PDB file of N, CA and C in Angstrom:
ATOM      1  N   MET A   1      81.905  79.586  60.365  1.00  0.00           N
ATOM      2  CA  MET A   1      82.843  80.635  60.040  1.00  0.00           C
ATOM      3  C   MET A   1      82.246  82.022  60.316  1.00  0.00           C
ATOM      4  N   ALA A   2      80.949  82.156  60.019  1.00  0.00           N
ATOM      5  CA  ALA A   2      80.314  83.449  60.234  1.00  0.00           C
ATOM      6  C   ALA A   2      80.216  83.763  61.715  1.00  0.00           C
ATOM      7  N   GLY A   3      79.984  82.750  62.558  1.00  0.00           N
ATOM      8  CA  GLY A   3      79.919  82.943  63.995  1.00  0.00           C
ATOM      9  C   GLY A   3      81.259  83.349  64.579  1.00  0.00           C
ATOM     10  N   GLU A   4      82.314  82.970  63.898  1.00  0.00           N
ATOM     11  CA  GLU A   4      83.661  83.301  64.365  1.00  0.00           C
ATOM     12  C   GLU A   4      83.889  84.806  64.311  1.00  0.00           C
ATOM     13  N   HIS A   5      83.361  85.458  63.292  1.00  0.00           N
ATOM     14  CA  HIS A   5      83.534  86.906  63.170  1.00  0.00           C
ATOM     15  C   HIS A   5      82.726  87.668  64.222  1.00  0.00           C
ATOM     16  N   THR A   6      81.593  87.154  64.620  1.00  0.00           N
ATOM     17  CA  THR A   6      80.794  87.849  65.619  1.00  0.00           C
ATOM     18  C   THR A   6      81.350  87.642  67.024  1.00  0.00           C
ATOM     19  N   ASP A   7      82.028  86.512  67.290  1.00  0.00           N
ATOM     20  CA  ASP A   7      82.594  86.261  68.611  1.00  0.00           C
ATOM     21  C   ASP A   7      83.827  87.116  68.858  1.00  0.00           C
ATOM     22  N   ARG A   8      84.645  87.283  67.889  1.00  0.00           N
ATOM     23  CA  ARG A   8      85.893  88.061  68.031  1.00  0.00           C
ATOM     24  C   ARG A   8      85.724  89.403  67.342  1.00  0.00           C
ATOM     25  N   GLN A   9      85.296  90.367  68.023  1.00  0.00           N
ATOM     26  CA  GLN A   9      85.064  91.677  67.429  1.00  0.00           C
ATOM     27  C   GLN A   9      86.383  92.391  67.194  1.00  0.00           C
ATOM     28  N   GLY A  10      86.513  93.019  66.032  1.00  0.00           N
ATOM     29  CA  GLY A  10      87.692  93.812  65.728  1.00  0.00           C
ATOM     30  C   GLY A  10      88.882  92.996  65.257  1.00  0.00           C
ATOM     31  N   GLU A  11      88.713  91.708  64.994  1.00  0.00           N
ATOM     32  CA  GLU A  11      89.833  90.889  64.559  1.00  0.00           C
ATOM     33  C   GLU A  11      89.636  90.502  63.104  1.00  0.00           C
ATOM     34  N   SER A  12      90.730  90.359  62.405  1.00  0.00           N
ATOM     35  CA  SER A  12      90.707  89.846  61.050  1.00  0.00           C
ATOM     36  C   SER A  12      90.631  88.335  61.120  1.00  0.00           C
ATOM     37  N   PRO A  13      90.244  87.668  60.043  1.00  0.00           N
ATOM     38  CA  PRO A  13      90.130  86.214  60.085  1.00  0.00           C
ATOM     39  C   PRO A  13      91.454  85.512  60.385  1.00  0.00           C
ATOM     40  N   GLY A  14      92.603  86.095  60.068  1.00  0.00           N
ATOM     41  CA  GLY A  14      93.879  85.426  60.272  1.00  0.00           C
ATOM     42  C   GLY A  14      94.536  85.739  61.605  1.00  0.00           C
ATOM     43  N   GLU A  15      93.938  86.589  62.445  1.00  0.00           N
ATOM     44  CA  GLU A  15      94.568  86.994  63.708  1.00  0.00           C
ATOM     45  C   GLU A  15      94.279  85.992  64.808  1.00  0.00           C
ATOM     46  N   SER A  16      95.189  85.910  65.736  1.00  0.00           N
ATOM     47  CA  SER A  16      94.939  85.091  66.922  1.00  0.00           C
ATOM     48  C   SER A  16      94.099  85.909  67.903  1.00  0.00           C
ATOM     49  N   PRO A  17      93.492  85.277  68.906  1.00  0.00           N
ATOM     50  CA  PRO A  17      92.556  85.990  69.793  1.00  0.00           C
ATOM     51  C   PRO A  17      93.145  87.188  70.522  1.00  0.00           C
ATOM     52  N   GLY A  18      94.405  87.209  70.884  1.00  0.00           N
ATOM     53  CA  GLY A  18      94.951  88.288  71.694  1.00  0.00           C
ATOM     54  C   GLY A  18      95.518  89.461  70.925  1.00  0.00           C
ATOM     55  N   GLU A  19      95.723  89.330  69.615  1.00  0.00           N
ATOM     56  CA  GLU A  19      96.407  90.381  68.860  1.00  0.00           C
ATOM     57  C   GLU A  19      95.593  91.670  68.768  1.00  0.00           C
ATOM     58  N   GLY A  20      94.306  91.579  68.535  1.00  0.00           N
ATOM     59  CA  GLY A  20      93.468  92.772  68.416  1.00  0.00           C
ATOM     60  C   GLY A  20      93.443  93.567  69.713  1.00  0.00           C
ATOM     61  N   ALA A  21      93.394  92.878  70.823  1.00  0.00           N
ATOM     62  CA  ALA A  21      93.372  93.546  72.128  1.00  0.00           C
ATOM     63  C   ALA A  21      94.692  94.245  72.412  1.00  0.00           C
ATOM     64  N   GLN A  22      95.794  93.656  72.001  1.00  0.00           N
ATOM     65  CA  GLN A  22      97.101  94.281  72.219  1.00  0.00           C
ATOM     66  C   GLN A  22      97.235  95.553  71.410  1.00  0.00           C
ATOM     67  N   GLN A  23      96.738  95.547  70.186  1.00  0.00           N
ATOM     68  CA  GLN A  23      96.836  96.742  69.358  1.00  0.00           C
ATOM     69  C   GLN A  23      96.034  97.888  69.962  1.00  0.00           C
ATOM     70  N   VAL A  24      94.859  97.611  70.478  1.00  0.00           N
ATOM     71  CA  VAL A  24      94.032  98.640  71.104  1.00  0.00           C
ATOM     72  C   VAL A  24      94.736  99.185  72.337  1.00  0.00           C
ATOM     73  N   THR A  25      95.338  98.313  73.129  1.00  0.00           N
ATOM     74  CA  THR A  25      96.045  98.734  74.332  1.00  0.00           C
ATOM     75  C   THR A  25      97.230  99.616  73.980  1.00  0.00           C
ATOM     76  N   LEU A  26      97.968  99.249  72.939  1.00  0.00           N
ATOM     77  CA  LEU A  26      99.126 100.051  72.533  1.00  0.00           C
ATOM     78  C   LEU A  26      98.699 101.433  72.067  1.00  0.00           C
ATOM     79  N   ARG A  27      97.597 101.504  71.361  1.00  0.00           N
ATOM     80  CA  ARG A  27      97.121 102.814  70.931  1.00  0.00           C
ATOM     81  C   ARG A  27      96.751 103.677  72.132  1.00  0.00           C
ATOM     82  N   ARG A  28      96.112 103.094  73.111  1.00  0.00           N
ATOM     83  CA  ARG A  28      95.740 103.860  74.298  1.00  0.00           C
ATOM     84  C   ARG A  28      96.974 104.324  75.056  1.00  0.00           C
ATOM     85  N   ARG A  29      97.970 103.492  75.152  1.00  0.00           N
ATOM     86  CA  ARG A  29      99.188 103.886  75.859  1.00  0.00           C
ATOM     87  C   ARG A  29      99.895 105.029  75.154  1.00  0.00           C
ATOM     88  N   ARG A  30      99.918 105.002  73.857  1.00  0.00           N
ATOM     89  CA  ARG A  30     100.568 106.093  73.121  1.00  0.00           C
ATOM     90  C   ARG A  30      99.850 107.412  73.347  1.00  0.00           C
ATOM     91  N   ARG A  31      98.549 107.383  73.338  1.00  0.00           N
ATOM     92  CA  ARG A  31      97.795 108.616  73.558  1.00  0.00           C
ATOM     93  C   ARG A  31      98.018 109.148  74.976  1.00  0.00           C
ATOM     94  N   ALA A  32      97.998 108.260  75.937  1.00  0.00           N
ATOM     95  CA  ALA A  32      98.216 108.685  77.317  1.00  0.00           C
ATOM     96  C   ALA A  32      99.631 109.200  77.500  1.00  0.00           C
ATOM     97  N   GLY A  33     100.603 108.592  76.834  1.00  0.00           N
ATOM     98  CA  GLY A  33     101.988 109.036  76.926  1.00  0.00           C
ATOM     99  C   GLY A  33     102.175 110.439  76.358  1.00  0.00           C
ATOM    100  N   ALA A  34     101.478 110.731  75.292  1.00  0.00           N
ATOM    101  CA  ALA A  34     101.570 112.070  74.713  1.00  0.00           C
ATOM    102  C   ALA A  34     101.009 113.108  75.671  1.00  0.00           C
ATOM    103  N   ARG A  35      99.939 112.750  76.375  1.00  0.00           N
ATOM    104  CA  ARG A  35      99.371 113.679  77.349  1.00  0.00           C
ATOM    105  C   ARG A  35     100.299 113.869  78.531  1.00  0.00           C
ATOM    106  N   LYS A  36     100.948 112.800  78.946  1.00  0.00           N
ATOM    107  CA  LYS A  36     101.858 112.895  80.078  1.00  0.00           C
ATOM    108  C   LYS A  36     103.053 113.774  79.752  1.00  0.00           C
ATOM    109  N   LYS A  37     103.562 113.706  78.525  1.00  0.00           N
ATOM    110  CA  LYS A  37     104.692 114.550  78.148  1.00  0.00           C
ATOM    111  C   LYS A  37     104.313 116.021  78.195  1.00  0.00           C
ATOM    112  N   ALA A  38     103.121 116.348  77.743  1.00  0.00           N
ATOM    113  CA  ALA A  38     102.671 117.738  77.773  1.00  0.00           C
ATOM    114  C   ALA A  38     102.504 118.212  79.216  1.00  0.00           C
ATOM    115  N   ALA A  39     101.989 117.352  80.075  1.00  0.00           N
ATOM    116  CA  ALA A  39     101.789 117.730  81.474  1.00  0.00           C
ATOM    117  C   ALA A  39     103.107 117.777  82.233  1.00  0.00           C
ATOM    118  N   SER A  40     104.067 116.940  81.856  1.00  0.00           N
ATOM    119  CA  SER A  40     105.323 116.893  82.595  1.00  0.00           C
ATOM    120  C   SER A  40     106.214 118.097  82.304  1.00  0.00           C
ATOM    121  N   SER A  41     105.980 118.792  81.208  1.00  0.00           N
ATOM    122  CA  SER A  41     106.798 119.960  80.919  1.00  0.00           C
ATOM    123  C   SER A  41     106.551 121.076  81.937  1.00  0.00           C
ATOM    124  N   ALA A  42     105.345 121.167  82.463  1.00  0.00           N
ATOM    125  CA  ALA A  42     105.041 122.170  83.488  1.00  0.00           C
ATOM    126  C   ALA A  42     105.169 121.597  84.891  1.00  0.00           C
ATOM    127  N   HIS A  43     105.471 120.302  84.988  1.00  0.00           N
ATOM    128  CA  HIS A  43     105.566 119.656  86.297  1.00  0.00           C
ATOM    129  C   HIS A  43     106.710 120.213  87.128  1.00  0.00           C
ATOM    130  N   TRP A  44     107.814 120.574  86.523  1.00  0.00           N
ATOM    131  CA  TRP A  44     108.961 121.079  87.294  1.00  0.00           C
ATOM    132  C   TRP A  44     108.650 122.420  87.928  1.00  0.00           C
ATOM    133  N   LEU A  45     107.754 123.187  87.346  1.00  0.00           N
ATOM    134  CA  LEU A  45     107.378 124.469  87.955  1.00  0.00           C
ATOM    135  C   LEU A  45     106.626 124.260  89.264  1.00  0.00           C
ATOM    136  N   SER A  46     105.897 123.153  89.365  1.00  0.00           N
ATOM    137  CA  SER A  46     105.175 122.894  90.606  1.00  0.00           C
ATOM    138  C   SER A  46     106.133 122.504  91.729  1.00  0.00           C
ATOM    139  N   GLN A  47     107.348 122.096  91.388  1.00  0.00           N
ATOM    140  CA  GLN A  47     108.333 121.725  92.407  1.00  0.00           C
ATOM    141  C   GLN A  47     109.176 122.920  92.858  1.00  0.00           C
ATOM    142  N   LEU A  48     108.997 124.071  92.258  1.00  0.00           N
ATOM    143  CA  LEU A  48     109.815 125.246  92.581  1.00  0.00           C
ATOM    144  C   LEU A  48     109.721 125.665  94.051  1.00  0.00           C
ATOM    145  N   PRO A  49     108.550 125.733  94.684  1.00  0.00           N
ATOM    146  CA  PRO A  49     108.525 126.084  96.113  1.00  0.00           C
ATOM    147  C   PRO A  49     109.288 125.073  96.968  1.00  0.00           C
ATOM    148  N   TYR A  50     109.181 123.801  96.626  1.00  0.00           N
ATOM    149  CA  TYR A  50     109.897 122.754  97.355  1.00  0.00           C
ATOM    150  C   TYR A  50     111.404 122.925  97.190  1.00  0.00           C
ATOM    151  N   VAL A  51     111.841 123.229  95.986  1.00  0.00           N
ATOM    152  CA  VAL A  51     113.273 123.419  95.724  1.00  0.00           C
ATOM    153  C   VAL A  51     113.793 124.641  96.480  1.00  0.00           C
ATOM    154  N   LEU A  52     113.021 125.702  96.532  1.00  0.00           N
ATOM    155  CA  LEU A  52     113.453 126.894  97.261  1.00  0.00           C
ATOM    156  C   LEU A  52     113.548 126.626  98.764  1.00  0.00           C
ATOM    157  N   ALA A  53     112.610 125.859  99.298  1.00  0.00           N
ATOM    158  CA  ALA A  53     112.683 125.490 100.716  1.00  0.00           C
ATOM    159  C   ALA A  53     113.911 124.611 100.964  1.00  0.00           C
ATOM    160  N   LEU A  54     114.207 123.711 100.046  1.00  0.00           N
ATOM    161  CA  LEU A  54     115.398 122.873 100.178  1.00  0.00           C
ATOM    162  C   LEU A  54     116.682 123.688 100.069  1.00  0.00           C
ATOM    163  N   CYS A  55     116.680 124.750  99.276  1.00  0.00           N
ATOM    164  CA  CYS A  55     117.852 125.626  99.194  1.00  0.00           C
ATOM    165  C   CYS A  55     118.116 126.298 100.538  1.00  0.00           C
ATOM    166  N   GLY A  56     117.051 126.670 101.243  1.00  0.00           N
ATOM    167  CA  GLY A  56     117.217 127.226 102.587  1.00  0.00           C
ATOM    168  C   GLY A  56     117.829 126.210 103.532  1.00  0.00           C
ATOM    169  N   VAL A  57     117.392 124.963 103.433  1.00  0.00           N
ATOM    170  CA  VAL A  57     117.945 123.899 104.274  1.00  0.00           C
ATOM    171  C   VAL A  57     119.407 123.647 103.914  1.00  0.00           C
ATOM    172  N   ALA A  58     119.721 123.608 102.623  1.00  0.00           N
ATOM    173  CA  ALA A  58     121.104 123.394 102.196  1.00  0.00           C
ATOM    174  C   ALA A  58     122.003 124.549 102.636  1.00  0.00           C
ATOM    175  N   GLY A  59     121.486 125.764 102.548  1.00  0.00           N
ATOM    176  CA  GLY A  59     122.251 126.921 103.018  1.00  0.00           C
ATOM    177  C   GLY A  59     122.501 126.866 104.513  1.00  0.00           C
ATOM    178  N   SER A  60     121.516 126.371 105.248  1.00  0.00           N
ATOM    179  CA  SER A  60     121.712 126.259 106.696  1.00  0.00           C
ATOM    180  C   SER A  60     122.761 125.200 107.022  1.00  0.00           C
ATOM    181  N   LEU A  61     122.822 124.141 106.249  1.00  0.00           N
ATOM    182  CA  LEU A  61     123.854 123.123 106.468  1.00  0.00           C
ATOM    183  C   LEU A  61     125.249 123.685 106.204  1.00  0.00           C
ATOM    184  N   VAL A  62     125.361 124.548 105.213  1.00  0.00           N
ATOM    185  CA  VAL A  62     126.647 125.202 104.946  1.00  0.00           C
ATOM    186  C   VAL A  62     127.017 126.110 106.109  1.00  0.00           C
ATOM    187  N   MET A  63     126.032 126.815 106.640  1.00  0.00           N
ATOM    188  CA  MET A  63     126.293 127.684 107.794  1.00  0.00           C
ATOM    189  C   MET A  63     126.704 126.867 109.011  1.00  0.00           C
ATOM    190  N   TYR A  64     126.050 125.734 109.224  1.00  0.00           N
ATOM    191  CA  TYR A  64     126.447 124.856 110.329  1.00  0.00           C
ATOM    192  C   TYR A  64     127.875 124.364 110.144  1.00  0.00           C
ATOM    193  N   ALA A  65     128.231 124.012 108.924  1.00  0.00           N
ATOM    194  CA  ALA A  65     129.572 123.495 108.647  1.00  0.00           C
ATOM    195  C   ALA A  65     130.648 124.548 108.868  1.00  0.00           C
ATOM    196  N   THR A  66     130.302 125.806 108.673  1.00  0.00           N
ATOM    197  CA  THR A  66     131.269 126.888 108.881  1.00  0.00           C
ATOM    198  C   THR A  66     131.208 127.443 110.298  1.00  0.00           C
ATOM    199  N   ASN A  67     130.551 126.681 111.187  1.00  0.00           N
ATOM    200  CA  ASN A  67     130.533 126.995 112.616  1.00  0.00           C
ATOM    201  C   ASN A  67     129.703 128.231 112.975  1.00  0.00           C
ATOM    202  N   HIS A  68     128.623 128.461 112.235  1.00  0.00           N
ATOM    203  CA  HIS A  68     127.703 129.561 112.553  1.00  0.00           C
ATOM    204  C   HIS A  68     126.343 128.959 112.886  1.00  0.00           C
ATOM    205  N   PHE A  69     126.195 128.529 114.139  1.00  0.00           N
ATOM    206  CA  PHE A  69     125.002 127.801 114.556  1.00  0.00           C
ATOM    207  C   PHE A  69     123.744 128.660 114.491  1.00  0.00           C
ATOM    208  N   ARG A  70     123.817 129.863 115.021  1.00  0.00           N
ATOM    209  CA  ARG A  70     122.609 130.705 115.054  1.00  0.00           C
ATOM    210  C   ARG A  70     122.176 131.140 113.660  1.00  0.00           C
ATOM    211  N   LYS A  71     123.131 131.528 112.843  1.00  0.00           N
ATOM    212  CA  LYS A  71     122.779 131.938 111.473  1.00  0.00           C
ATOM    213  C   LYS A  71     122.217 130.759 110.683  1.00  0.00           C
ATOM    214  N   GLY A  72     122.825 129.595 110.871  1.00  0.00           N
ATOM    215  CA  GLY A  72     122.323 128.401 110.185  1.00  0.00           C
ATOM    216  C   GLY A  72     120.933 128.029 110.646  1.00  0.00           C
ATOM    217  N   SER A  73     120.700 128.132 111.946  1.00  0.00           N
ATOM    218  CA  SER A  73     119.370 127.816 112.473  1.00  0.00           C
ATOM    219  C   SER A  73     118.331 128.827 112.003  1.00  0.00           C
ATOM    220  N   ALA A  74     118.715 130.076 111.940  1.00  0.00           N
ATOM    221  CA  ALA A  74     117.787 131.096 111.437  1.00  0.00           C
ATOM    222  C   ALA A  74     117.460 130.851 109.965  1.00  0.00           C
ATOM    223  N   LEU A  75     118.459 130.457 109.195  1.00  0.00           N
ATOM    224  CA  LEU A  75     118.218 130.168 107.782  1.00  0.00           C
ATOM    225  C   LEU A  75     117.346 128.919 107.622  1.00  0.00           C
ATOM    226  N   LEU A  76     117.570 127.924 108.465  1.00  0.00           N
ATOM    227  CA  LEU A  76     116.731 126.727 108.430  1.00  0.00           C
ATOM    228  C   LEU A  76     115.287 127.072 108.784  1.00  0.00           C
ATOM    229  N   ALA A  77     115.095 127.860 109.816  1.00  0.00           N
ATOM    230  CA  ALA A  77     113.741 128.271 110.198  1.00  0.00           C
ATOM    231  C   ALA A  77     113.079 129.078 109.079  1.00  0.00           C
ATOM    232  N   ALA A  78     113.839 129.938 108.427  1.00  0.00           N
ATOM    233  CA  ALA A  78     113.288 130.731 107.327  1.00  0.00           C
ATOM    234  C   ALA A  78     112.891 129.836 106.148  1.00  0.00           C
ATOM    235  N   GLY A  79     113.708 128.838 105.836  1.00  0.00           N
ATOM    236  CA  GLY A  79     113.383 127.925 104.741  1.00  0.00           C
ATOM    237  C   GLY A  79     112.129 127.115 105.019  1.00  0.00           C
ATOM    238  N   VAL A  80     111.998 126.628 106.235  1.00  0.00           N
ATOM    239  CA  VAL A  80     110.809 125.850 106.601  1.00  0.00           C
ATOM    240  C   VAL A  80     109.578 126.760 106.655  1.00  0.00           C
ATOM    241  N   LEU A  81     109.749 127.973 107.148  1.00  0.00           N
ATOM    242  CA  LEU A  81     108.636 128.916 107.189  1.00  0.00           C
ATOM    243  C   LEU A  81     108.203 129.317 105.774  1.00  0.00           C
ATOM    244  N   PHE A  82     109.165 129.437 104.863  1.00  0.00           N
ATOM    245  CA  PHE A  82     108.827 129.699 103.455  1.00  0.00           C
ATOM    246  C   PHE A  82     108.005 128.543 102.883  1.00  0.00           C
ATOM    247  N   GLY A  83     108.393 127.313 103.217  1.00  0.00           N
ATOM    248  CA  GLY A  83     107.628 126.156 102.766  1.00  0.00           C
ATOM    249  C   GLY A  83     106.210 126.173 103.305  1.00  0.00           C
ATOM    250  N   ALA A  84     106.051 126.558 104.571  1.00  0.00           N
ATOM    251  CA  ALA A  84     104.711 126.644 105.162  1.00  0.00           C
ATOM    252  C   ALA A  84     103.882 127.728 104.486  1.00  0.00           C
ATOM    253  N   LEU A  85     104.503 128.855 104.207  1.00  0.00           N
ATOM    254  CA  LEU A  85     103.789 129.945 103.537  1.00  0.00           C
ATOM    255  C   LEU A  85     103.392 129.546 102.115  1.00  0.00           C
ATOM    256  N   ALA A  86     104.294 128.879 101.402  1.00  0.00           N
ATOM    257  CA  ALA A  86     103.974 128.422 100.043  1.00  0.00           C
ATOM    258  C   ALA A  86     102.835 127.408 100.078  1.00  0.00           C
ATOM    259  N   ARG A  87     102.864 126.526 101.061  1.00  0.00           N
ATOM    260  CA  ARG A  87     101.796 125.521 101.185  1.00  0.00           C
ATOM    261  C   ARG A  87     100.463 126.190 101.505  1.00  0.00           C
ATOM    262  N   LEU A  88     100.498 127.258 102.276  1.00  0.00           N
ATOM    263  CA  LEU A  88      99.275 127.955 102.654  1.00  0.00           C
ATOM    264  C   LEU A  88      98.673 128.728 101.486  1.00  0.00           C
ATOM    265  N   VAL A  89      99.511 129.389 100.708  1.00  0.00           N
ATOM    266  CA  VAL A  89      99.036 130.314  99.685  1.00  0.00           C
ATOM    267  C   VAL A  89      98.754 129.635  98.339  1.00  0.00           C
ATOM    268  N   LEU A  90      99.605 128.708  97.931  1.00  0.00           N
ATOM    269  CA  LEU A  90      99.482 128.130  96.595  1.00  0.00           C
ATOM    270  C   LEU A  90      98.446 127.011  96.557  1.00  0.00           C
ATOM    271  N   PRO A  91      97.833 126.806  95.376  1.00  0.00           N
ATOM    272  CA  PRO A  91      96.884 125.695  95.245  1.00  0.00           C
ATOM    273  C   PRO A  91      97.608 124.343  95.203  1.00  0.00           C
ATOM    274  N   GLU A  92      96.851 123.264  95.367  1.00  0.00           N
ATOM    275  CA  GLU A  92      97.406 121.911  95.429  1.00  0.00           C
ATOM    276  C   GLU A  92      98.274 121.586  94.212  1.00  0.00           C
ATOM    277  N   SER A  93      97.889 122.056  93.047  1.00  0.00           N
ATOM    278  CA  SER A  93      98.597 121.704  91.818  1.00  0.00           C
ATOM    279  C   SER A  93      99.964 122.370  91.707  1.00  0.00           C
ATOM    280  N   GLN A  94     100.247 123.378  92.522  1.00  0.00           N
ATOM    281  CA  GLN A  94     101.487 124.126  92.387  1.00  0.00           C
ATOM    282  C   GLN A  94     102.446 123.978  93.552  1.00  0.00           C
ATOM    283  N   VAL A  95     102.132 123.172  94.544  1.00  0.00           N
ATOM    284  CA  VAL A  95     103.032 123.058  95.688  1.00  0.00           C
ATOM    285  C   VAL A  95     103.966 121.863  95.606  1.00  0.00           C
ATOM    286  N   GLY A  96     103.735 120.961  94.681  1.00  0.00           N
ATOM    287  CA  GLY A  96     104.633 119.830  94.497  1.00  0.00           C
ATOM    288  C   GLY A  96     104.714 118.939  95.722  1.00  0.00           C
ATOM    289  N   MET A  97     105.930 118.625  96.151  1.00  0.00           N
ATOM    290  CA  MET A  97     106.119 117.693  97.256  1.00  0.00           C
ATOM    291  C   MET A  97     105.931 118.333  98.626  1.00  0.00           C
ATOM    292  N   LEU A  98     105.582 119.598  98.686  1.00  0.00           N
ATOM    293  CA  LEU A  98     105.237 120.203  99.970  1.00  0.00           C
ATOM    294  C   LEU A  98     103.875 119.714 100.453  1.00  0.00           C
ATOM    295  N   ALA A  99     103.062 119.227  99.533  1.00  0.00           N
ATOM    296  CA  ALA A  99     101.743 118.708  99.889  1.00  0.00           C
ATOM    297  C   ALA A  99     101.876 117.246 100.274  1.00  0.00           C
ATOM    298  N   ILE A 100     101.808 116.981 101.574  1.00  0.00           N
ATOM    299  CA  ILE A 100     101.924 115.609 102.049  1.00  0.00           C
ATOM    300  C   ILE A 100     100.615 115.171 102.688  1.00  0.00           C
ATOM    301  N   ARG A 101     100.094 115.991 103.551  1.00  0.00           N
ATOM    302  CA  ARG A 101      98.857 115.679 104.258  1.00  0.00           C
ATOM    303  C   ARG A 101      97.823 116.746 103.901  1.00  0.00           C
ATOM    304  N   LYS A 102      96.887 116.950 104.762  1.00  0.00           N
ATOM    305  CA  LYS A 102      95.927 118.030 104.545  1.00  0.00           C
ATOM    306  C   LYS A 102      96.647 119.364 104.690  1.00  0.00           C
ATOM    307  N   LYS A 103      96.122 120.379 104.024  1.00  0.00           N
ATOM    308  CA  LYS A 103      96.792 121.676 103.999  1.00  0.00           C
ATOM    309  C   LYS A 103      97.008 122.238 105.391  1.00  0.00           C
ATOM    310  N   TRP A 104      95.993 122.231 106.225  1.00  0.00           N
ATOM    311  CA  TRP A 104      96.119 122.827 107.557  1.00  0.00           C
ATOM    312  C   TRP A 104      97.146 122.078 108.405  1.00  0.00           C
ATOM    313  N   LEU A 105      97.227 120.776 108.241  1.00  0.00           N
ATOM    314  CA  LEU A 105      98.181 119.999 109.020  1.00  0.00           C
ATOM    315  C   LEU A 105      99.616 120.237 108.541  1.00  0.00           C
ATOM    316  N   ASP A 106      99.804 120.360 107.227  1.00  0.00           N
ATOM    317  CA  ASP A 106     101.133 120.679 106.696  1.00  0.00           C
ATOM    318  C   ASP A 106     101.615 122.041 107.185  1.00  0.00           C
ATOM    319  N   VAL A 107     100.741 123.035 107.104  1.00  0.00           N
ATOM    320  CA  VAL A 107     101.116 124.393 107.521  1.00  0.00           C
ATOM    321  C   VAL A 107     101.400 124.435 109.020  1.00  0.00           C
ATOM    322  N   LEU A 108     100.557 123.788 109.806  1.00  0.00           N
ATOM    323  CA  LEU A 108     100.756 123.765 111.255  1.00  0.00           C
ATOM    324  C   LEU A 108     102.072 123.068 111.625  1.00  0.00           C
ATOM    325  N   THR A 109     102.353 121.944 110.994  1.00  0.00           N
ATOM    326  CA  THR A 109     103.586 121.203 111.288  1.00  0.00           C
ATOM    327  C   THR A 109     104.828 122.003 110.922  1.00  0.00           C
ATOM    328  N   MET A 110     104.836 122.574 109.732  1.00  0.00           N
ATOM    329  CA  MET A 110     106.018 123.328 109.295  1.00  0.00           C
ATOM    330  C   MET A 110     106.210 124.598 110.112  1.00  0.00           C
ATOM    331  N   THR A 111     105.114 125.261 110.453  1.00  0.00           N
ATOM    332  CA  THR A 111     105.229 126.474 111.256  1.00  0.00           C
ATOM    333  C   THR A 111     105.742 126.152 112.660  1.00  0.00           C
ATOM    334  N   ALA A 112     105.233 125.077 113.257  1.00  0.00           N
ATOM    335  CA  ALA A 112     105.704 124.674 114.582  1.00  0.00           C
ATOM    336  C   ALA A 112     107.189 124.300 114.545  1.00  0.00           C
ATOM    337  N   LEU A 113     107.605 123.605 113.507  1.00  0.00           N
ATOM    338  CA  LEU A 113     109.014 123.246 113.371  1.00  0.00           C
ATOM    339  C   LEU A 113     109.886 124.484 113.197  1.00  0.00           C
ATOM    340  N   ALA A 114     109.445 125.435 112.379  1.00  0.00           N
ATOM    341  CA  ALA A 114     110.220 126.659 112.169  1.00  0.00           C
ATOM    342  C   ALA A 114     110.337 127.466 113.464  1.00  0.00           C
ATOM    343  N   VAL A 115     109.246 127.569 114.213  1.00  0.00           N
ATOM    344  CA  VAL A 115     109.282 128.304 115.484  1.00  0.00           C
ATOM    345  C   VAL A 115     110.185 127.595 116.480  1.00  0.00           C
ATOM    346  N   ALA A 116     110.115 126.267 116.532  1.00  0.00           N
ATOM    347  CA  ALA A 116     110.956 125.510 117.464  1.00  0.00           C
ATOM    348  C   ALA A 116     112.438 125.681 117.138  1.00  0.00           C
ATOM    349  N   VAL A 117     112.797 125.643 115.884  1.00  0.00           N
ATOM    350  CA  VAL A 117     114.196 125.823 115.481  1.00  0.00           C
ATOM    351  C   VAL A 117     114.663 127.236 115.817  1.00  0.00           C
ATOM    352  N   ALA A 118     113.812 128.230 115.557  1.00  0.00           N
ATOM    353  CA  ALA A 118     114.175 129.607 115.863  1.00  0.00           C
ATOM    354  C   ALA A 118     114.348 129.818 117.369  1.00  0.00           C
ATOM    355  N   VAL A 119     113.485 129.223 118.166  1.00  0.00           N
ATOM    356  CA  VAL A 119     113.607 129.363 119.635  1.00  0.00           C
ATOM    357  C   VAL A 119     114.882 128.693 120.126  1.00  0.00           C
ATOM    358  N   VAL A 120     115.190 127.520 119.619  1.00  0.00           N
ATOM    359  CA  VAL A 120     116.430 126.843 120.019  1.00  0.00           C
ATOM    360  C   VAL A 120     117.649 127.664 119.619  1.00  0.00           C
ATOM    361  N   ALA A 121     117.611 128.250 118.428  1.00  0.00           N
ATOM    362  CA  ALA A 121     118.735 129.078 117.990  1.00  0.00           C
ATOM    363  C   ALA A 121     118.894 130.308 118.873  1.00  0.00           C
ATOM    364  N   TRP A 122     117.810 130.843 119.375  1.00  0.00           N
ATOM    365  CA  TRP A 122     117.863 132.032 120.201  1.00  0.00           C
ATOM    366  C   TRP A 122     118.310 131.708 121.630  1.00  0.00           C
ATOM    367  N   VAL A 123     117.889 130.565 122.132  1.00  0.00           N
ATOM    368  CA  VAL A 123     118.161 130.201 123.512  1.00  0.00           C
ATOM    369  C   VAL A 123     119.582 129.672 123.712  1.00  0.00           C
ATOM    370  N   VAL A 124     120.090 128.897 122.765  1.00  0.00           N
ATOM    371  CA  VAL A 124     121.413 128.285 122.925  1.00  0.00           C
ATOM    372  C   VAL A 124     122.495 129.356 122.821  1.00  0.00           C
ATOM    373  N   PRO A 125     123.411 129.393 123.800  1.00  0.00           N
ATOM    374  CA  PRO A 125     124.488 130.393 123.722  1.00  0.00           C
ATOM    375  C   PRO A 125     125.512 130.029 122.649  1.00  0.00           C
ATOM    376  N   GLY A 126     126.082 131.023 122.073  1.00  0.00           N
ATOM    377  CA  GLY A 126     127.102 130.807 121.042  1.00  0.00           C
ATOM    378  C   GLY A 126     127.147 131.974 120.076  1.00  0.00           C
ATOM    379  N   ASP A 127     127.946 131.808 119.018  1.00  0.00           N
ATOM    380  CA  ASP A 127     128.124 132.824 117.952  1.00  0.00           C
ATOM    381  C   ASP A 127     128.131 134.220 118.554  1.00  0.00           C
TER     382      ASP A 127
END
């Protein structure tokens, strides 16, 4: 009987082998959950640059729908360029979903896309 207490650490004599481990796990999950709630309250602020870039894209879609190709393309290029600038200036913790790859590659890709859209908008006749 005495050896039983030394083999199962942290268990009462009437507990089954898995109950003590489950209680410890539940306590750890509760503590981690409390930390996640505190961190998630500021998490939406890190998505703000991404949301603003998406607003530029959504605005450009509205412009396209109202038959203003050049204005829509300019707004799309501005939104993507804003995303590139936010990715360049802000730290990793504040850029949210704009951070996909390495910083230099994200900025280079978004800047090239913004320039390409702006050139196409300028070259294509219309409006």
